[in-house]
């Protein structure tokens, strides 16, 4: 569904992403892992149009989308979350998701005048699916970090994506929040028949749900394959897991 070919990006002579190539099969749960500074977020920003590559291509469903703007990628079926939560902190939880529906379905130009009756049923159903139905009337900025991550997932789902790209979806969460969040994501992906690509630092999370792993080190791919293959890879064990032999 998603193909990345030879993506390369430098900043003032520093090569952050170097010749990265990998693919994401339709319906699969894939993860990009690597030590801090490996280039994971830069790679995500290249894939989603927030950065332009120096070289290489991104293909979505056979279409070259290398230079497509982020908002146009949304309309092509790409949903994205960020390491830092990206919500409307002064709106209620309900209003956040409702606004996402309105914007996605062409009402963004008249967002403030849309009225409370617009997309109410869809909003309520989506909040139920992400576990926030009971908090619909709360101001989003007062949610816990885990709650804001749940809401951000709801915003991404309101854009009716085919593929979700989640950047460190459990970052900053407690162990309990992490387990709950990753199971929520897995359930939603399965129920909706979505394709998922995510970055993650928690290896327990990665190996619990990922079907395919791409490992980055210093901006390069050092391994790409099934979790068991990657776990056994000597270069991965040396670089990522810190093993000498």
Foldseek 3Di string as FASTA:
>chain_A
DKWWFQFWADDPRQTQAGGDTDDFDQLFAEEEEEDPSLNPVVVVCQQQQVDQTPDTFMADPNHTCRNPHNVVVLLVFEFEADPDQDFDQQQFLLLGLQLLLCVLVPNNVVSVVPDPVRCNVVSLVLCVLLVNNVRRGPRLNPDDPLSSLSSSVSSRCSSVHQEYEYEASCPPHDPVSLVVNLVSVQVVCVVSSHGYYYYHHDVVSCLVGHQKYFYGGSNYTPDIGGPVVLVPDPVCCCRPVVDPD
